[in-house]
Amino acid sequence: MIFNVDEIKNKIDIDNRGPYQNVFMQEIEYMTILLIDIVKSLEEIDQGLKGNLTISETMEQTMEALQLNRVPISWTNLSYPSKRGLESWVINLIKRIEQLNLFRD
């Protein structure tokens, strides 16, 4: 799920916005950027494997990382620091998204 940052910003009262709300908004923005990149790179790989796109070096690196159960570098550059393998990283990502959804509501 990709967050609607503007909708969430509008729900938070600007007058009562404190450090916790600011950190929450930063996390929402970072997570949205990361999720957009993950979806985009996976869609590009899908299109490349179908023959609709030429497979680029970045796509090859992403596919190789996924095959080796590693987090692709392009995702790592946009995400939180972690030494986890891909499976553990994705599970942790899902938990973070769930936590942000709880705070959002």
N, C-alpha and C. Protein backbone atom coordinates (compact mmCIF):
# COMPACT_ATOMS: atom_id res chain seq x y z
N MET A 1 0.84 -1.18 0.00
CA MET A 1 0.00 0.00 0.00
C MET A 1 0.88 1.24 0.00
N ILE A 2 0.59 2.13 -0.90
CA ILE A 2 1.30 3.40 -0.96
C ILE A 2 0.42 4.45 -0.29
N PHE A 3 1.03 5.22 0.60
CA PHE A 3 0.30 6.18 1.41
C PHE A 3 -0.04 7.44 0.61
N ASN A 4 -1.20 8.01 0.91
CA ASN A 4 -1.60 9.30 0.35
C ASN A 4 -1.12 10.37 1.33
N VAL A 5 0.07 10.90 1.07
CA VAL A 5 0.73 11.82 1.99
C VAL A 5 -0.11 13.07 2.23
N ASP A 6 -0.66 13.64 1.19
CA ASP A 6 -1.47 14.86 1.34
C ASP A 6 -2.69 14.64 2.22
N GLU A 7 -3.35 13.50 2.03
CA GLU A 7 -4.53 13.19 2.83
C GLU A 7 -4.15 13.05 4.31
N ILE A 8 -3.03 12.40 4.58
CA ILE A 8 -2.59 12.23 5.96
C ILE A 8 -2.19 13.56 6.58
N LYS A 9 -1.50 14.40 5.81
CA LYS A 9 -1.12 15.73 6.31
C LYS A 9 -2.34 16.55 6.69
N ASN A 10 -3.40 16.44 5.89
CA ASN A 10 -4.61 17.20 6.16
C ASN A 10 -5.33 16.73 7.42
N LYS A 11 -5.14 15.45 7.79
CA LYS A 11 -5.79 14.92 8.99
C LYS A 11 -5.11 15.42 10.27
N ILE A 12 -3.84 15.77 10.18
CA ILE A 12 -3.10 16.20 11.36
C ILE A 12 -3.30 17.70 11.55
N ASP A 13 -3.80 18.07 12.71
CA ASP A 13 -4.03 19.48 13.04
C ASP A 13 -2.68 20.19 13.14
N ILE A 14 -2.47 21.21 12.33
CA ILE A 14 -1.19 21.93 12.29
C ILE A 14 -0.87 22.58 13.63
N ASP A 15 -1.87 23.09 14.32
CA ASP A 15 -1.64 23.75 15.61
C ASP A 15 -1.17 22.78 16.69
N ASN A 16 -1.60 21.53 16.60
CA ASN A 16 -1.23 20.53 17.61
C ASN A 16 -0.13 19.60 17.12
N ARG A 17 0.54 19.96 16.06
CA ARG A 17 1.56 19.12 15.47
C ARG A 17 2.85 19.24 16.28
N GLY A 18 3.29 18.13 16.84
CA GLY A 18 4.50 18.11 17.65
C GLY A 18 5.57 17.25 17.01
N PRO A 19 6.62 16.95 17.76
CA PRO A 19 7.72 16.15 17.21
C PRO A 19 7.30 14.76 16.77
N TYR A 20 6.36 14.13 17.50
CA TYR A 20 5.93 12.79 17.12
C TYR A 20 5.20 12.80 15.78
N GLN A 21 4.37 13.80 15.58
CA GLN A 21 3.65 13.91 14.31
C GLN A 21 4.62 14.22 13.16
N ASN A 22 5.64 15.03 13.44
CA ASN A 22 6.63 15.34 12.41
C ASN A 22 7.42 14.10 12.00
N VAL A 23 7.84 13.30 12.99
CA VAL A 23 8.56 12.06 12.68
C VAL A 23 7.66 11.10 11.92
N PHE A 24 6.40 11.01 12.34
CA PHE A 24 5.44 10.16 11.65
C PHE A 24 5.31 10.56 10.18
N MET A 25 5.19 11.86 9.93
CA MET A 25 5.06 12.32 8.54
C MET A 25 6.32 12.03 7.74
N GLN A 26 7.49 12.19 8.36
CA GLN A 26 8.73 11.87 7.66
C GLN A 26 8.77 10.38 7.30
N GLU A 27 8.37 9.53 8.22
CA GLU A 27 8.36 8.08 7.96
C GLU A 27 7.38 7.74 6.84
N ILE A 28 6.22 8.38 6.84
CA ILE A 28 5.23 8.15 5.78
C ILE A 28 5.82 8.55 4.43
N GLU A 29 6.48 9.70 4.38
CA GLU A 29 7.06 10.18 3.13
C GLU A 29 8.18 9.26 2.65
N TYR A 30 9.07 8.84 3.55
CA TYR A 30 10.15 7.92 3.18
C TYR A 30 9.59 6.58 2.70
N MET A 31 8.60 6.07 3.42
CA MET A 31 8.02 4.78 3.06
C MET A 31 7.32 4.85 1.71
N THR A 32 6.66 5.96 1.43
CA THR A 32 5.98 6.12 0.15
C THR A 32 6.99 6.12 -1.00
N ILE A 33 8.08 6.84 -0.83
CA ILE A 33 9.12 6.87 -1.87
C ILE A 33 9.69 5.47 -2.10
N LEU A 34 9.96 4.76 -1.01
CA LEU A 34 10.49 3.39 -1.12
C LEU A 34 9.51 2.47 -1.82
N LEU A 35 8.25 2.51 -1.42
CA LEU A 35 7.24 1.64 -2.03
C LEU A 35 7.04 1.93 -3.51
N ILE A 36 7.07 3.20 -3.87
CA ILE A 36 6.94 3.56 -5.29
C ILE A 36 8.10 2.97 -6.08
N ASP A 37 9.31 3.05 -5.53
CA ASP A 37 10.48 2.51 -6.22
C ASP A 37 10.41 0.99 -6.33
N ILE A 38 9.96 0.32 -5.28
CA ILE A 38 9.84 -1.15 -5.32
C ILE A 38 8.85 -1.56 -6.40
N VAL A 39 7.69 -0.94 -6.41
CA VAL A 39 6.66 -1.28 -7.39
C VAL A 39 7.18 -1.00 -8.80
N LYS A 40 7.81 0.15 -8.99
CA LYS A 40 8.32 0.53 -10.31
C LYS A 40 9.37 -0.47 -10.80
N SER A 41 10.31 -0.83 -9.95
CA SER A 41 11.37 -1.74 -10.39
C SER A 41 10.82 -3.13 -10.69
N LEU A 42 9.86 -3.60 -9.90
CA LEU A 42 9.27 -4.92 -10.17
C LEU A 42 8.43 -4.90 -11.45
N GLU A 43 7.73 -3.80 -11.69
CA GLU A 43 6.96 -3.69 -12.93
C GLU A 43 7.89 -3.65 -14.14
N GLU A 44 9.01 -2.94 -14.02
CA GLU A 44 9.98 -2.88 -15.12
C GLU A 44 10.58 -4.25 -15.40
N ILE A 45 10.89 -5.00 -14.36
CA ILE A 45 11.43 -6.36 -14.54
C ILE A 45 10.38 -7.23 -15.23
N ASP A 46 9.15 -7.13 -14.80
CA ASP A 46 8.07 -7.90 -15.42
C ASP A 46 7.96 -7.57 -16.90
N GLN A 47 7.98 -6.28 -17.23
CA GLN A 47 7.90 -5.86 -18.63
C GLN A 47 9.13 -6.32 -19.42
N GLY A 48 10.29 -6.29 -18.78
CA GLY A 48 11.51 -6.76 -19.44
C GLY A 48 11.47 -8.24 -19.73
N LEU A 49 10.98 -9.03 -18.78
CA LEU A 49 10.89 -10.47 -18.98
C LEU A 49 9.84 -10.84 -20.03
N LYS A 50 8.85 -9.99 -20.19
CA LYS A 50 7.83 -10.21 -21.22
C LYS A 50 8.29 -9.74 -22.60
N GLY A 51 9.42 -9.04 -22.63
CA GLY A 51 9.95 -8.55 -23.90
C GLY A 51 9.45 -7.18 -24.29
N ASN A 52 8.73 -6.51 -23.41
CA ASN A 52 8.20 -5.18 -23.71
C ASN A 52 9.20 -4.08 -23.44
N LEU A 53 10.22 -4.36 -22.63
CA LEU A 53 11.28 -3.40 -22.32
C LEU A 53 12.62 -4.08 -22.50
N THR A 54 13.62 -3.29 -22.84
CA THR A 54 14.99 -3.80 -22.87
C THR A 54 15.48 -3.86 -21.43
N ILE A 55 16.04 -4.99 -21.05
CA ILE A 55 16.52 -5.16 -19.68
C ILE A 55 17.80 -4.36 -19.50
N SER A 56 17.76 -3.43 -18.56
CA SER A 56 18.89 -2.55 -18.29
C SER A 56 19.82 -3.19 -17.25
N GLU A 57 20.96 -2.55 -17.06
CA GLU A 57 21.90 -3.03 -16.06
C GLU A 57 21.29 -2.97 -14.66
N THR A 58 20.56 -1.91 -14.39
CA THR A 58 19.91 -1.78 -13.09
C THR A 58 18.90 -2.90 -12.88
N MET A 59 18.14 -3.22 -13.91
CA MET A 59 17.17 -4.31 -13.82
C MET A 59 17.88 -5.64 -13.58
N GLU A 60 19.00 -5.85 -14.25
CA GLU A 60 19.79 -7.07 -14.06
C GLU A 60 20.30 -7.17 -12.63
N GLN A 61 20.79 -6.05 -12.09
CA GLN A 61 21.29 -6.04 -10.72
C GLN A 61 20.17 -6.34 -9.73
N THR A 62 19.00 -5.79 -9.98
CA THR A 62 17.85 -6.04 -9.11
C THR A 62 17.44 -7.51 -9.17
N MET A 63 17.38 -8.07 -10.38
CA MET A 63 17.01 -9.48 -10.52
C MET A 63 18.04 -10.39 -9.85
N GLU A 64 19.31 -10.07 -10.00
CA GLU A 64 20.36 -10.88 -9.38
C GLU A 64 20.25 -10.83 -7.85
N ALA A 65 20.03 -9.64 -7.31
CA ALA A 65 19.88 -9.50 -5.85
C ALA A 65 18.69 -10.33 -5.36
N LEU A 66 17.57 -10.26 -6.08
CA LEU A 66 16.39 -11.01 -5.68
C LEU A 66 16.65 -12.52 -5.73
N GLN A 67 17.36 -12.97 -6.75
CA GLN A 67 17.69 -14.39 -6.87
C GLN A 67 18.60 -14.86 -5.73
N LEU A 68 19.45 -13.97 -5.24
CA LEU A 68 20.39 -14.30 -4.17
C LEU A 68 19.83 -13.99 -2.78
N ASN A 69 18.54 -13.68 -2.70
CA ASN A 69 17.87 -13.36 -1.44
C ASN A 69 18.51 -12.15 -0.75
N ARG A 70 18.86 -11.16 -1.56
CA ARG A 70 19.42 -9.91 -1.04
C ARG A 70 18.49 -8.76 -1.40
N VAL A 71 18.54 -7.73 -0.61
CA VAL A 71 17.75 -6.53 -0.90
C VAL A 71 18.48 -5.76 -2.01
N PRO A 72 17.80 -5.46 -3.11
CA PRO A 72 18.45 -4.71 -4.20
C PRO A 72 19.00 -3.37 -3.72
N ILE A 73 20.12 -2.98 -4.29
CA ILE A 73 20.80 -1.74 -3.88
C ILE A 73 19.88 -0.53 -4.04
N SER A 74 19.11 -0.48 -5.11
CA SER A 74 18.23 0.68 -5.31
C SER A 74 17.22 0.80 -4.19
N TRP A 75 16.77 -0.33 -3.62
CA TRP A 75 15.84 -0.30 -2.50
C TRP A 75 16.58 0.07 -1.21
N THR A 76 17.77 -0.46 -1.04
CA THR A 76 18.57 -0.18 0.15
C THR A 76 18.89 1.30 0.26
N ASN A 77 19.17 1.92 -0.87
CA ASN A 77 19.50 3.36 -0.87
C ASN A 77 18.34 4.22 -0.40
N LEU A 78 17.12 3.73 -0.54
CA LEU A 78 15.94 4.51 -0.16
C LEU A 78 15.36 4.08 1.19
N SER A 79 15.88 2.99 1.76
CA SER A 79 15.26 2.45 2.96
C SER A 79 16.09 2.70 4.21
N TYR A 80 15.60 2.18 5.28
CA TYR A 80 16.24 2.24 6.58
C TYR A 80 17.44 1.28 6.59
N PRO A 81 18.46 1.56 7.38
CA PRO A 81 19.63 0.68 7.44
C PRO A 81 19.25 -0.71 7.96
N SER A 82 19.75 -1.74 7.28
CA SER A 82 19.44 -3.11 7.69
C SER A 82 20.46 -4.07 7.07
N LYS A 83 20.77 -5.10 7.79
CA LYS A 83 21.66 -6.14 7.29
C LYS A 83 20.88 -7.43 7.03
N ARG A 84 19.58 -7.34 7.02
CA ARG A 84 18.71 -8.50 6.83
C ARG A 84 18.79 -9.03 5.40
N GLY A 85 18.46 -10.31 5.26
CA GLY A 85 18.26 -10.89 3.95
C GLY A 85 16.93 -10.41 3.39
N LEU A 86 16.68 -10.70 2.14
CA LEU A 86 15.48 -10.19 1.47
C LEU A 86 14.19 -10.61 2.17
N GLU A 87 14.07 -11.89 2.49
CA GLU A 87 12.83 -12.37 3.10
C GLU A 87 12.56 -11.67 4.44
N SER A 88 13.56 -11.63 5.28
CA SER A 88 13.41 -10.97 6.59
C SER A 88 13.16 -9.48 6.42
N TRP A 89 13.82 -8.86 5.44
CA TRP A 89 13.65 -7.43 5.17
C TRP A 89 12.22 -7.13 4.75
N VAL A 90 11.65 -7.97 3.87
CA VAL A 90 10.28 -7.75 3.40
C VAL A 90 9.29 -7.93 4.55
N ILE A 91 9.50 -8.95 5.39
CA ILE A 91 8.63 -9.15 6.55
C ILE A 91 8.68 -7.93 7.45
N ASN A 92 9.88 -7.41 7.69
CA ASN A 92 10.04 -6.22 8.51
C ASN A 92 9.38 -5.00 7.86
N LEU A 93 9.51 -4.88 6.55
CA LEU A 93 8.88 -3.78 5.81
C LEU A 93 7.36 -3.83 5.98
N ILE A 94 6.79 -5.00 5.87
CA ILE A 94 5.34 -5.17 6.04
C ILE A 94 4.92 -4.76 7.45
N LYS A 95 5.70 -5.17 8.45
CA LYS A 95 5.38 -4.79 9.84
C LYS A 95 5.45 -3.27 10.02
N ARG A 96 6.43 -2.63 9.39
CA ARG A 96 6.55 -1.17 9.48
C ARG A 96 5.35 -0.49 8.83
N ILE A 97 4.93 -1.01 7.69
CA ILE A 97 3.76 -0.46 7.00
C ILE A 97 2.52 -0.61 7.87
N GLU A 98 2.36 -1.80 8.48
CA GLU A 98 1.21 -2.02 9.36
C GLU A 98 1.23 -1.05 10.54
N GLN A 99 2.41 -0.82 11.10
CA GLN A 99 2.52 0.10 12.23
C GLN A 99 2.15 1.53 11.80
N LEU A 100 2.63 1.95 10.64
CA LEU A 100 2.30 3.29 10.14
C LEU A 100 0.80 3.40 9.88
N ASN A 101 0.20 2.33 9.39
CA ASN A 101 -1.26 2.33 9.16
C ASN A 101 -2.02 2.47 10.47
N LEU A 102 -1.53 1.84 11.54
CA LEU A 102 -2.18 1.99 12.84
C LEU A 102 -2.11 3.43 13.33
N PHE A 103 -0.95 4.05 13.20
CA PHE A 103 -0.79 5.44 13.61
C PHE A 103 -1.61 6.38 12.74
N ARG A 104 -1.71 6.05 11.47
CA ARG A 104 -2.44 6.90 10.52
C ARG A 104 -3.91 6.97 10.88
N ASP A 105 -4.47 5.84 11.29
CA ASP A 105 -5.90 5.78 11.60
C ASP A 105 -6.13 6.34 12.98
